[in-house]
PDB file of N, CA and C in Angstrom:
ATOM      1  N   MET A   1      93.886  90.059  83.066  1.00  0.00           N
ATOM      2  CA  MET A   1      93.463  91.322  83.637  1.00  0.00           C
ATOM      3  C   MET A   1      94.345  92.433  83.069  1.00  0.00           C
ATOM      4  N   LYS A   2      93.743  93.509  82.645  1.00  0.00           N
ATOM      5  CA  LYS A   2      94.468  94.651  82.111  1.00  0.00           C
ATOM      6  C   LYS A   2      94.852  95.573  83.265  1.00  0.00           C
ATOM      7  N   ARG A   3      96.124  96.034  83.200  1.00  0.00           N
ATOM      8  CA  ARG A   3      96.615  96.858  84.306  1.00  0.00           C
ATOM      9  C   ARG A   3      97.601  97.892  83.763  1.00  0.00           C
ATOM     10  N   ILE A   4      97.541  99.108  84.299  1.00  0.00           N
ATOM     11  CA  ILE A   4      98.512 100.153  84.001  1.00  0.00           C
ATOM     12  C   ILE A   4      99.171 100.515  85.331  1.00  0.00           C
ATOM     13  N   GLU A   5     100.474 100.399  85.369  1.00  0.00           N
ATOM     14  CA  GLU A   5     101.216 100.675  86.596  1.00  0.00           C
ATOM     15  C   GLU A   5     102.105 101.892  86.370  1.00  0.00           C
ATOM     16  N   ILE A   6     102.109 102.815  87.332  1.00  0.00           N
ATOM     17  CA  ILE A   6     102.978 103.980  87.282  1.00  0.00           C
ATOM     18  C   ILE A   6     104.098 103.741  88.286  1.00  0.00           C
ATOM     19  N   VAL A   7     105.335 103.718  87.797  1.00  0.00           N
ATOM     20  CA  VAL A   7     106.507 103.486  88.634  1.00  0.00           C
ATOM     21  C   VAL A   7     107.239 104.815  88.766  1.00  0.00           C
ATOM     22  N   VAL A   8     107.487 105.233  90.016  1.00  0.00           N
ATOM     23  CA  VAL A   8     108.192 106.485  90.278  1.00  0.00           C
ATOM     24  C   VAL A   8     109.542 106.161  90.906  1.00  0.00           C
ATOM     25  N   SER A   9     110.621 106.651  90.281  1.00  0.00           N
ATOM     26  CA  SER A   9     111.965 106.394  90.790  1.00  0.00           C
ATOM     27  C   SER A   9     112.267 107.340  91.946  1.00  0.00           C
ATOM     28  N   PRO A  10     113.298 107.066  92.743  1.00  0.00           N
ATOM     29  CA  PRO A  10     113.682 107.982  93.824  1.00  0.00           C
ATOM     30  C   PRO A  10     114.023 109.388  93.312  1.00  0.00           C
ATOM     31  N   ALA A  11     114.450 109.472  92.051  1.00  0.00           N
ATOM     32  CA  ALA A  11     114.785 110.776  91.459  1.00  0.00           C
ATOM     33  C   ALA A  11     113.545 111.516  90.951  1.00  0.00           C
ATOM     34  N   GLY A  12     112.375 110.878  91.035  1.00  0.00           N
ATOM     35  CA  GLY A  12     111.130 111.504  90.615  1.00  0.00           C
ATOM     36  C   GLY A  12     110.746 111.221  89.170  1.00  0.00           C
ATOM     37  N   GLU A  13     111.522 110.406  88.473  1.00  0.00           N
ATOM     38  CA  GLU A  13     111.173 110.042  87.105  1.00  0.00           C
ATOM     39  C   GLU A  13     110.055 109.012  87.138  1.00  0.00           C
ATOM     40  N   THR A  14     109.141 109.102  86.181  1.00  0.00           N
ATOM     41  CA  THR A  14     108.016 108.171  86.133  1.00  0.00           C
ATOM     42  C   THR A  14     108.122 107.268  84.915  1.00  0.00           C
ATOM     43  N   ARG A  15     107.526 106.091  85.057  1.00  0.00           N
ATOM     44  CA  ARG A  15     107.500 105.113  83.969  1.00  0.00           C
ATOM     45  C   ARG A  15     106.136 104.421  84.013  1.00  0.00           C
ATOM     46  N   LEU A  16     105.525 104.265  82.850  1.00  0.00           N
ATOM     47  CA  LEU A  16     104.252 103.544  82.749  1.00  0.00           C
ATOM     48  C   LEU A  16     104.536 102.137  82.270  1.00  0.00           C
ATOM     49  N   GLU A  17     103.924 101.170  82.917  1.00  0.00           N
ATOM     50  CA  GLU A  17     104.033  99.778  82.493  1.00  0.00           C
ATOM     51  C   GLU A  17     102.623  99.223  82.348  1.00  0.00           C
ATOM     52  N   THR A  18     102.328  98.682  81.179  1.00  0.00           N
ATOM     53  CA  THR A  18     101.007  98.113  80.932  1.00  0.00           C
ATOM     54  C   THR A  18     101.122  96.602  80.809  1.00  0.00           C
ATOM     55  N   THR A  19     100.137  95.900  81.334  1.00  0.00           N
ATOM     56  CA  THR A  19     100.076  94.448  81.195  1.00  0.00           C
ATOM     57  C   THR A  19      98.648  94.054  80.842  1.00  0.00           C
ATOM     58  N   GLY A  20      98.527  92.958  80.118  1.00  0.00           N
ATOM     59  CA  GLY A  20      97.214  92.442  79.755  1.00  0.00           C
ATOM     60  C   GLY A  20      96.656  93.023  78.472  1.00  0.00           C
ATOM     61  N   PHE A  21      97.374  93.924  77.834  1.00  0.00           N
ATOM     62  CA  PHE A  21      96.930  94.519  76.576  1.00  0.00           C
ATOM     63  C   PHE A  21      97.640  93.809  75.435  1.00  0.00           C
ATOM     64  N   SER A  22      97.021  93.799  74.263  1.00  0.00           N
ATOM     65  CA  SER A  22      97.691  93.249  73.091  1.00  0.00           C
ATOM     66  C   SER A  22      97.656  94.287  71.991  1.00  0.00           C
ATOM     67  N   GLY A  23      98.736  94.363  71.258  1.00  0.00           N
ATOM     68  CA  GLY A  23      98.825  95.344  70.189  1.00  0.00           C
ATOM     69  C   GLY A  23      98.829  96.758  70.733  1.00  0.00           C
ATOM     70  N   PRO A  24      98.488  97.703  69.892  1.00  0.00           N
ATOM     71  CA  PRO A  24      98.566  99.112  70.289  1.00  0.00           C
ATOM     72  C   PRO A  24      97.450  99.594  71.219  1.00  0.00           C
ATOM     73  N   GLU A  25      96.586  98.703  71.700  1.00  0.00           N
ATOM     74  CA  GLU A  25      95.530  99.147  72.617  1.00  0.00           C
ATOM     75  C   GLU A  25      96.114  99.678  73.922  1.00  0.00           C
ATOM     76  N   CYS A  26      97.341  99.278  74.264  1.00  0.00           N
ATOM     77  CA  CYS A  26      97.983  99.792  75.474  1.00  0.00           C
ATOM     78  C   CYS A  26      98.259 101.291  75.339  1.00  0.00           C
ATOM     79  N   LEU A  27      98.582 101.740  74.135  1.00  0.00           N
ATOM     80  CA  LEU A  27      98.851 103.161  73.919  1.00  0.00           C
ATOM     81  C   LEU A  27      97.586 103.993  74.134  1.00  0.00           C
ATOM     82  N   ALA A  28      96.482 103.514  73.608  1.00  0.00           N
ATOM     83  CA  ALA A  28      95.218 104.231  73.778  1.00  0.00           C
ATOM     84  C   ALA A  28      94.787 104.244  75.242  1.00  0.00           C
ATOM     85  N   ALA A  29      95.007 103.136  75.939  1.00  0.00           N
ATOM     86  CA  ALA A  29      94.575 103.037  77.337  1.00  0.00           C
ATOM     87  C   ALA A  29      95.401 103.935  78.261  1.00  0.00           C
ATOM     88  N   SER A  30      96.672 104.140  77.944  1.00  0.00           N
ATOM     89  CA  SER A  30      97.539 104.916  78.833  1.00  0.00           C
ATOM     90  C   SER A  30      97.743 106.356  78.367  1.00  0.00           C
ATOM     91  N   ARG A  31      97.115 106.746  77.273  1.00  0.00           N
ATOM     92  CA  ARG A  31      97.296 108.090  76.711  1.00  0.00           C
ATOM     93  C   ARG A  31      96.991 109.186  77.730  1.00  0.00           C
ATOM     94  N   PHE A  32      95.924 109.050  78.497  1.00  0.00           N
ATOM     95  CA  PHE A  32      95.550 110.095  79.450  1.00  0.00           C
ATOM     96  C   PHE A  32      96.603 110.258  80.547  1.00  0.00           C
ATOM     97  N   LEU A  33      97.243 109.159  80.926  1.00  0.00           N
ATOM     98  CA  LEU A  33      98.294 109.252  81.943  1.00  0.00           C
ATOM     99  C   LEU A  33      99.556 109.906  81.365  1.00  0.00           C
ATOM    100  N   GLU A  34      99.882 109.574  80.149  1.00  0.00           N
ATOM    101  CA  GLU A  34     101.034 110.212  79.499  1.00  0.00           C
ATOM    102  C   GLU A  34     100.842 111.713  79.416  1.00  0.00           C
ATOM    103  N   ALA A  35      99.643 112.131  79.079  1.00  0.00           N
ATOM    104  CA  ALA A  35      99.352 113.563  78.987  1.00  0.00           C
ATOM    105  C   ALA A  35      99.488 114.233  80.354  1.00  0.00           C
ATOM    106  N   ALA A  36      99.052 113.565  81.397  1.00  0.00           N
ATOM    107  CA  ALA A  36      99.117 114.136  82.744  1.00  0.00           C
ATOM    108  C   ALA A  36     100.548 114.180  83.286  1.00  0.00           C
ATOM    109  N   LEU A  37     101.378 113.209  82.891  1.00  0.00           N
ATOM    110  CA  LEU A  37     102.736 113.128  83.418  1.00  0.00           C
ATOM    111  C   LEU A  37     103.732 114.009  82.674  1.00  0.00           C
ATOM    112  N   GLY A  38     103.394 114.439  81.494  1.00  0.00           N
ATOM    113  CA  GLY A  38     104.284 115.346  80.762  1.00  0.00           C
ATOM    114  C   GLY A  38     104.995 114.682  79.606  1.00  0.00           C
ATOM    115  N   LYS A  39     106.035 115.341  79.130  1.00  0.00           N
ATOM    116  CA  LYS A  39     106.766 114.921  77.937  1.00  0.00           C
ATOM    117  C   LYS A  39     107.400 113.546  78.109  1.00  0.00           C
ATOM    118  N   ARG A  40     107.277 112.729  77.074  1.00  0.00           N
ATOM    119  CA  ARG A  40     107.837 111.378  77.075  1.00  0.00           C
ATOM    120  C   ARG A  40     109.308 111.467  76.665  1.00  0.00           C
ATOM    121  N   SER A  41     110.180 110.799  77.402  1.00  0.00           N
ATOM    122  CA  SER A  41     111.604 110.828  77.055  1.00  0.00           C
ATOM    123  C   SER A  41     112.014 109.604  76.249  1.00  0.00           C
ATOM    124  N   SER A  42     111.307 108.500  76.405  1.00  0.00           N
ATOM    125  CA  SER A  42     111.610 107.297  75.631  1.00  0.00           C
ATOM    126  C   SER A  42     110.398 106.381  75.631  1.00  0.00           C
ATOM    127  N   GLU A  43     110.454 105.384  74.777  1.00  0.00           N
ATOM    128  CA  GLU A  43     109.354 104.423  74.678  1.00  0.00           C
ATOM    129  C   GLU A  43     109.943 103.070  74.316  1.00  0.00           C
ATOM    130  N   ARG A  44     109.479 102.025  75.005  1.00  0.00           N
ATOM    131  CA  ARG A  44     109.943 100.665  74.721  1.00  0.00           C
ATOM    132  C   ARG A  44     108.733  99.745  74.757  1.00  0.00           C
ATOM    133  N   PHE A  45     108.598  98.932  73.719  1.00  0.00           N
ATOM    134  CA  PHE A  45     107.452  98.034  73.620  1.00  0.00           C
ATOM    135  C   PHE A  45     107.856  96.626  74.055  1.00  0.00           C
ATOM    136  N   THR A  46     106.916  95.934  74.696  1.00  0.00           N
ATOM    137  CA  THR A  46     107.126  94.538  75.073  1.00  0.00           C
ATOM    138  C   THR A  46     106.644  93.646  73.936  1.00  0.00           C
ATOM    139  N   ALA A  47     106.850  92.363  74.071  1.00  0.00           N
ATOM    140  CA  ALA A  47     106.412  91.405  73.054  1.00  0.00           C
ATOM    141  C   ALA A  47     104.900  91.452  72.873  1.00  0.00           C
ATOM    142  N   ALA A  48     104.147  91.771  73.935  1.00  0.00           N
ATOM    143  CA  ALA A  48     102.687  91.826  73.855  1.00  0.00           C
ATOM    144  C   ALA A  48     102.222  92.890  72.873  1.00  0.00           C
ATOM    145  N   TYR A  49     103.006  93.940  72.701  1.00  0.00           N
ATOM    146  CA  TYR A  49     102.635  94.999  71.752  1.00  0.00           C
ATOM    147  C   TYR A  49     102.555  94.448  70.328  1.00  0.00           C
ATOM    148  N   TYR A  50     103.424  93.505  70.017  1.00  0.00           N
ATOM    149  CA  TYR A  50     103.498  92.969  68.662  1.00  0.00           C
ATOM    150  C   TYR A  50     102.540  91.801  68.422  1.00  0.00           C
ATOM    151  N   GLN A  51     101.789  91.395  69.446  1.00  0.00           N
ATOM    152  CA  GLN A  51     100.789  90.346  69.287  1.00  0.00           C
ATOM    153  C   GLN A  51      99.507  90.952  68.753  1.00  0.00           C
ATOM    154  N   GLN A  52      98.831  90.207  67.931  1.00  0.00           N
ATOM    155  CA  GLN A  52      97.555  90.680  67.409  1.00  0.00           C
ATOM    156  C   GLN A  52      96.456  90.400  68.416  1.00  0.00           C
ATOM    157  N   ALA A  53      95.493  91.301  68.476  1.00  0.00           N
ATOM    158  CA  ALA A  53      94.332  91.096  69.336  1.00  0.00           C
ATOM    159  C   ALA A  53      93.528  89.929  68.788  1.00  0.00           C
ATOM    160  N   PRO A  54      92.877  89.150  69.651  1.00  0.00           N
ATOM    161  CA  PRO A  54      92.068  88.024  69.163  1.00  0.00           C
ATOM    162  C   PRO A  54      90.998  88.513  68.196  1.00  0.00           C
ATOM    163  N   ALA A  55      90.844  87.781  67.121  1.00  0.00           N
ATOM    164  CA  ALA A  55      89.843  88.149  66.112  1.00  0.00           C
ATOM    165  C   ALA A  55      88.446  87.903  66.662  1.00  0.00           C
ATOM    166  N   THR A  56      87.542  88.769  66.306  1.00  0.00           N
ATOM    167  CA  THR A  56      86.151  88.567  66.707  1.00  0.00           C
ATOM    168  C   THR A  56      85.436  87.832  65.585  1.00  0.00           C
ATOM    169  N   GLU A  57      84.518  87.005  65.963  1.00  0.00           N
ATOM    170  CA  GLU A  57      83.781  86.219  64.982  1.00  0.00           C
ATOM    171  C   GLU A  57      82.690  87.085  64.384  1.00  0.00           C
ATOM    172  N   SER A  58      82.593  87.073  63.076  1.00  0.00           N
ATOM    173  CA  SER A  58      81.536  87.842  62.433  1.00  0.00           C
ATOM    174  C   SER A  58      80.709  86.916  61.552  1.00  0.00           C
ATOM    175  N   GLN A  59      79.489  87.336  61.295  1.00  0.00           N
ATOM    176  CA  GLN A  59      78.580  86.537  60.487  1.00  0.00           C
ATOM    177  C   GLN A  59      78.029  87.418  59.386  1.00  0.00           C
ATOM    178  N   GLN A  60      78.072  86.916  58.178  1.00  0.00           N
ATOM    179  CA  GLN A  60      77.563  87.645  57.039  1.00  0.00           C
ATOM    180  C   GLN A  60      76.164  87.146  56.708  1.00  0.00           C
ATOM    181  N   ILE A  61      75.262  88.063  56.479  1.00  0.00           N
ATOM    182  CA  ILE A  61      73.892  87.711  56.136  1.00  0.00           C
ATOM    183  C   ILE A  61      73.658  88.078  54.686  1.00  0.00           C
ATOM    184  N   GLU A  62      73.246  87.116  53.911  1.00  0.00           N
ATOM    185  CA  GLU A  62      72.968  87.385  52.503  1.00  0.00           C
ATOM    186  C   GLU A  62      71.500  87.745  52.369  1.00  0.00           C
ATOM    187  N   GLN A  63      71.256  88.805  51.609  1.00  0.00           N
ATOM    188  CA  GLN A  63      69.877  89.235  51.378  1.00  0.00           C
ATOM    189  C   GLN A  63      69.540  89.055  49.915  1.00  0.00           C
ATOM    190  N   GLU A  64      68.294  88.706  49.669  1.00  0.00           N
ATOM    191  CA  GLU A  64      67.822  88.601  48.299  1.00  0.00           C
ATOM    192  C   GLU A  64      67.503  89.989  47.787  1.00  0.00           C
ATOM    193  N   PRO A  65      67.752  90.249  46.499  1.00  0.00           N
ATOM    194  CA  PRO A  65      67.443  91.572  45.942  1.00  0.00           C
ATOM    195  C   PRO A  65      65.941  91.845  46.020  1.00  0.00           C
ATOM    196  N   CYS A  66      65.585  93.081  46.195  1.00  0.00           N
ATOM    197  CA  CYS A  66      64.171  93.483  46.268  1.00  0.00           C
ATOM    198  C   CYS A  66      63.539  93.560  44.925  1.00  0.00           C
TER     199      CYS A  66
END
């Protein structure tokens, strides 16, 4: 399950934590929240960021020339 969690510290600082995403899709999914929360002070990626998304199966169809 994909999830974006917003953590607010007692001092009012916010942190976004994403789970269930692989590769940079977490950045695209949380972009709107980053824009709403303001300037980013730091960024740290988890191991899931460096994992590749599962490949999708594709099928090639050969056509005869007309």
